[in-house]
């Protein structure tokens, strides 16, 4: 069984969707330390004037806060800004807005208290609309693990009975494959290839990579998962 893991991310990008789709089980690393100035609470969407960074404001209580404990700063009117940017300034005229627009905007109809909740809501929505059915579990629900870094990932993999862990290429510098070998678990590398597809919000002949995955969904629809799979080359073969 192949497992993949990652911290929860608000408006996930296609690399994370690809990793989940390639796996038999996905573990949300909600119990690890929140990364300040990282990508756990923000991502880009396309607009008529170019990429727009949407950020969920969070309250900084300590440097050691876990992602699962990270509280949103709801004194800021971030939800209305995100709603208007996605709809009025970005995707309202895309081919699949009528299919998925209401579901996306529905995320902003409720007040979220914790970052992990809204991050996973955006992730699950994209996965469901793209028909990605990989089961998801939370690391915090699997028990206590004494390990750090590669040891922790290997322990989580062993806990769920995995025989291989799929890792993003950015982790090559710190994933210790020897530790995984001790647990009888192989390490596979994602080798993510970003697909190109029609973007109706940008000028003809241009393409904006690394947008939030809803960009692919609203421009291509459910067939976007086929576009993502076809872009894969080398590394781990698609299922």
Protein backbone atom coordinates (compact mmCIF):
# COMPACT_ATOMS: atom_id res chain seq x y z
CA UNK A 1 0.00 0.00 0.00
CA UNK A 2 1.27 3.43 -0.95
CA UNK A 3 0.78 6.27 1.53
CA UNK A 4 1.36 9.98 1.09
CA UNK A 5 1.47 12.71 3.73
CA UNK A 6 1.35 16.48 3.81
CA UNK A 7 0.36 19.37 6.01
CA UNK A 8 -3.13 20.74 5.37
CA UNK A 9 -3.12 23.59 2.86
CA UNK A 10 -5.80 26.18 2.15
CA UNK A 11 -6.79 26.12 -1.54
CA UNK A 12 -4.34 23.30 -2.37
CA UNK A 13 -2.26 23.45 -5.52
CA UNK A 14 -2.16 20.71 -8.15
CA UNK A 15 1.01 19.10 -6.80
CA UNK A 16 -0.83 18.17 -3.61
CA UNK A 17 -3.88 16.91 -5.50
CA UNK A 18 -1.57 14.81 -7.67
CA UNK A 19 0.12 13.31 -4.62
CA UNK A 20 -3.21 12.37 -3.06
CA UNK A 21 -4.49 10.89 -6.30
CA UNK A 22 -1.43 8.65 -6.65
CA UNK A 23 -1.81 7.23 -3.16
CA UNK A 24 -3.89 4.50 -1.58
CA UNK A 25 -4.15 6.50 1.64
CA UNK A 26 -3.40 10.14 2.48
CA UNK A 27 -2.36 11.25 5.97
CA UNK A 28 -2.96 14.87 6.94
CA UNK A 29 -0.03 16.05 9.06
CA UNK A 30 -2.20 18.23 11.27
CA UNK A 31 -0.17 17.58 14.42
CA UNK A 32 3.11 19.11 13.24
CA UNK A 33 4.31 22.64 13.89
CA UNK A 34 2.68 25.47 11.94
CA UNK A 35 5.07 26.99 9.46
CA UNK A 36 5.10 30.78 9.63
CA UNK A 37 5.26 32.55 6.27
CA UNK A 38 4.62 29.20 4.57
CA UNK A 39 1.80 28.08 2.31
CA UNK A 40 -0.51 26.43 4.80
CA UNK A 41 -2.85 29.42 4.96
CA UNK A 42 -2.58 30.92 1.45
CA UNK A 43 -2.38 30.32 -2.27
CA UNK A 44 -2.75 32.06 -5.61
CA UNK A 45 -5.81 32.18 -7.82
CA UNK A 46 -5.97 33.60 -11.32
CA UNK A 47 -7.74 36.87 -12.04
CA UNK A 48 -8.19 39.12 -15.05
CA UNK A 49 -5.20 41.15 -13.87
CA UNK A 50 -2.96 38.18 -13.03
CA UNK A 51 -2.28 36.02 -9.96
CA UNK A 52 -3.88 37.12 -6.67
CA UNK A 53 -2.64 35.78 -3.34
CA UNK A 54 -5.46 34.82 -0.98
CA UNK A 55 -4.44 34.49 2.67
CA UNK A 56 -6.39 33.27 5.68
CA UNK A 57 -5.26 35.51 8.58
CA UNK A 58 -4.21 33.59 11.67
CA UNK A 59 -3.48 34.53 15.27
CA UNK A 60 0.12 34.03 16.35
CA UNK A 61 0.14 32.69 19.91
CA UNK A 62 3.49 30.88 20.05
CA UNK A 63 6.20 29.60 17.74
CA UNK A 64 5.42 26.01 18.70
CA UNK A 65 1.75 25.92 17.76
CA UNK A 66 0.55 22.85 15.93
CA UNK A 67 -1.39 23.30 12.71
CA UNK A 68 -4.46 21.67 14.26
CA UNK A 69 -4.47 24.35 16.97
CA UNK A 70 -4.00 27.35 14.68
CA UNK A 71 -6.83 29.85 15.15
CA UNK A 72 -8.12 32.13 12.39
CA UNK A 73 -8.18 35.88 12.98
CA UNK A 74 -11.83 36.54 12.18
CA UNK A 75 -11.56 40.20 13.13
CA UNK A 76 -10.41 40.60 9.52
CA UNK A 77 -12.99 40.38 6.74
CA UNK A 78 -10.98 37.85 4.73
CA UNK A 79 -13.94 35.72 3.64
CA UNK A 80 -15.66 38.46 1.64
CA UNK A 81 -12.38 39.35 -0.05
CA UNK A 82 -11.77 35.73 -1.05
CA UNK A 83 -15.34 35.29 -2.25
CA UNK A 84 -15.24 38.39 -4.45
CA UNK A 85 -11.79 37.63 -5.83
CA UNK A 86 -12.74 34.09 -6.80
CA UNK A 87 -16.10 35.03 -8.30
CA UNK A 88 -16.20 38.59 -9.60
CA UNK A 89 -12.53 39.11 -10.39
CA UNK A 90 -11.59 35.59 -11.43
CA UNK A 91 -13.72 32.65 -12.34
CA UNK A 92 -17.32 33.72 -12.86
CA UNK A 93 -17.00 33.42 -16.63
CA UNK A 94 -15.14 30.11 -16.74
CA UNK A 95 -16.75 27.06 -18.44
CA UNK A 96 -17.51 25.19 -15.20
CA UNK A 97 -18.45 28.06 -12.91
CA UNK A 98 -22.15 27.15 -13.16
CA UNK A 99 -21.31 23.59 -12.07
CA UNK A 100 -19.08 24.31 -9.09
CA UNK A 101 -19.21 28.03 -8.29
CA UNK A 102 -21.94 27.76 -5.66
CA UNK A 103 -20.12 24.94 -3.87
CA UNK A 104 -16.89 26.91 -3.78
CA UNK A 105 -18.52 30.09 -2.55
CA UNK A 106 -20.45 28.06 0.02
CA UNK A 107 -17.19 27.61 1.92
CA UNK A 108 -17.34 31.31 2.76
CA UNK A 109 -20.91 31.19 4.04
CA UNK A 110 -19.85 29.98 7.47
CA UNK A 111 -17.39 31.29 10.00
CA UNK A 112 -14.41 29.02 10.51
CA UNK A 113 -12.53 29.05 13.79
CA UNK A 114 -9.45 26.97 12.91
CA UNK A 115 -7.20 27.00 9.86
CA UNK A 116 -7.11 23.22 9.52
CA UNK A 117 -10.88 23.06 9.17
CA UNK A 118 -11.16 25.49 6.26
CA UNK A 119 -7.99 24.15 4.64
CA UNK A 120 -9.36 20.64 4.56
CA UNK A 121 -12.78 21.89 3.42
CA UNK A 122 -11.18 23.42 0.33
CA UNK A 123 -9.10 20.29 -0.24
CA UNK A 124 -12.00 17.88 0.07
CA UNK A 125 -14.16 19.99 -2.22
CA UNK A 126 -11.58 19.92 -5.03
CA UNK A 127 -10.96 16.19 -4.57
CA UNK A 128 -14.68 15.40 -4.68
CA UNK A 129 -15.28 17.53 -7.77
CA UNK A 130 -12.34 15.87 -9.56
CA UNK A 131 -13.55 12.43 -8.44
CA UNK A 132 -10.42 11.64 -6.42
CA UNK A 133 -11.53 9.03 -3.89
CA UNK A 134 -8.33 8.38 -1.92
CA UNK A 135 -9.19 7.83 1.79
CA UNK A 136 -7.95 10.53 4.17
CA UNK A 137 -6.95 10.19 7.82
CA UNK A 138 -5.49 12.69 10.29
CA UNK A 139 -2.15 12.04 11.96
CA UNK A 140 -3.54 13.37 15.24
CA UNK A 141 -6.07 10.50 15.23
CA UNK A 142 -3.47 7.77 14.78
CA UNK A 143 -1.85 8.06 18.22
CA UNK A 144 1.32 9.49 19.70
CA UNK A 145 4.61 9.13 17.82
CA UNK A 146 7.97 9.95 19.43
CA UNK A 147 9.91 10.31 16.18
CA UNK A 148 10.95 13.46 14.37
CA UNK A 149 11.30 14.18 10.65
CA UNK A 150 11.96 10.95 8.70
CA UNK A 151 11.48 8.82 11.81
CA UNK A 152 8.03 10.31 12.34
CA UNK A 153 7.00 9.77 8.71
CA UNK A 154 8.24 6.19 8.83
CA UNK A 155 6.35 5.52 12.06
CA UNK A 156 3.15 6.93 10.57
CA UNK A 157 3.63 4.83 7.44
CA UNK A 158 4.13 1.70 9.53
CA UNK A 159 1.09 2.51 11.66
CA UNK A 160 -1.23 2.40 8.65
CA UNK A 161 0.43 -0.69 7.16
CA UNK A 162 2.06 1.04 4.20
CA UNK A 163 4.75 -0.64 2.12
CA UNK A 164 5.76 2.59 0.35
CA UNK A 165 5.62 6.33 0.99
CA UNK A 166 5.19 8.74 -1.90
CA UNK A 167 7.15 11.93 -1.29
CA UNK A 168 7.39 15.23 -3.14
CA UNK A 169 10.70 15.96 -4.82
CA UNK A 170 11.30 18.94 -2.57
CA UNK A 171 11.88 16.51 0.30
CA UNK A 172 14.83 14.72 -1.31
CA UNK A 173 17.25 16.70 0.80
CA UNK A 174 15.87 15.63 4.17
CA UNK A 175 14.02 12.32 3.77
CA UNK A 176 16.34 9.59 5.07
CA UNK A 177 15.52 6.50 3.04
CA UNK A 178 17.63 4.37 5.38
CA UNK A 179 15.21 5.02 8.22
CA UNK A 180 12.30 3.88 6.06
CA UNK A 181 14.24 0.72 5.14
CA UNK A 182 14.45 -0.18 8.84
CA UNK A 183 10.66 -0.12 8.95
CA UNK A 184 10.39 -2.16 5.74
CA UNK A 185 8.97 0.78 3.80
CA UNK A 186 10.15 2.01 0.41
CA UNK A 187 10.32 5.67 -0.61
CA UNK A 188 8.94 6.71 -4.00
CA UNK A 189 9.36 10.15 -5.55
CA UNK A 190 6.49 12.08 -7.07
CA UNK A 191 8.31 13.77 -9.96
CA UNK A 192 5.37 16.14 -10.38
CA UNK A 193 4.84 17.52 -13.86
CA UNK A 194 2.59 20.58 -14.01
CA UNK A 195 0.00 20.27 -16.78
CA UNK A 196 -1.02 23.07 -19.10
CA UNK A 197 -4.67 23.59 -19.93
CA UNK A 198 -6.94 26.40 -21.20
CA UNK A 199 -7.16 29.26 -18.69
CA UNK A 200 -10.08 31.50 -19.58
CA UNK A 201 -9.04 34.17 -17.08
CA UNK A 202 -5.68 35.02 -18.68
CA UNK A 203 -4.57 36.54 -21.98
CA UNK A 204 -4.49 34.24 -25.00
CA UNK A 205 -1.14 32.50 -25.32
CA UNK A 206 -0.27 32.92 -21.63
CA UNK A 207 -0.37 30.34 -18.87
CA UNK A 208 -0.18 30.86 -15.11
CA UNK A 209 1.28 27.78 -13.36
CA UNK A 210 0.98 26.84 -9.70
CA UNK A 211 -2.46 28.34 -9.19
CA UNK A 212 -4.82 26.76 -6.67
CA UNK A 213 -6.32 23.51 -7.99
CA UNK A 214 -9.73 25.11 -8.36
CA UNK A 215 -8.23 26.89 -11.40
CA UNK A 216 -8.02 23.56 -13.22
CA UNK A 217 -11.45 22.51 -11.95
CA UNK A 218 -13.25 25.64 -13.13
CA UNK A 219 -11.51 25.75 -16.50
CA UNK A 220 -11.60 22.06 -17.41
CA UNK A 221 -14.15 20.49 -15.05
CA UNK A 222 -14.03 16.90 -13.74
CA UNK A 223 -11.90 15.92 -16.76
CA UNK A 224 -9.16 17.97 -15.12
CA UNK A 225 -8.03 14.86 -13.25
CA UNK A 226 -7.30 13.21 -16.60
CA UNK A 227 -5.24 16.25 -17.61
CA UNK A 228 -3.29 15.94 -14.37
CA UNK A 229 -2.68 12.21 -14.83
CA UNK A 230 -1.60 12.57 -18.44
CA UNK A 231 1.07 15.08 -17.42
CA UNK A 232 2.86 12.52 -15.28
CA UNK A 233 6.16 11.18 -16.55
CA UNK A 234 8.91 9.10 -14.95
CA UNK A 235 8.96 8.54 -11.18
CA UNK A 236 5.86 6.79 -9.90
CA UNK A 237 3.46 5.62 -12.58
CA UNK A 238 -0.18 6.62 -12.21
CA UNK A 239 -2.61 4.03 -10.90
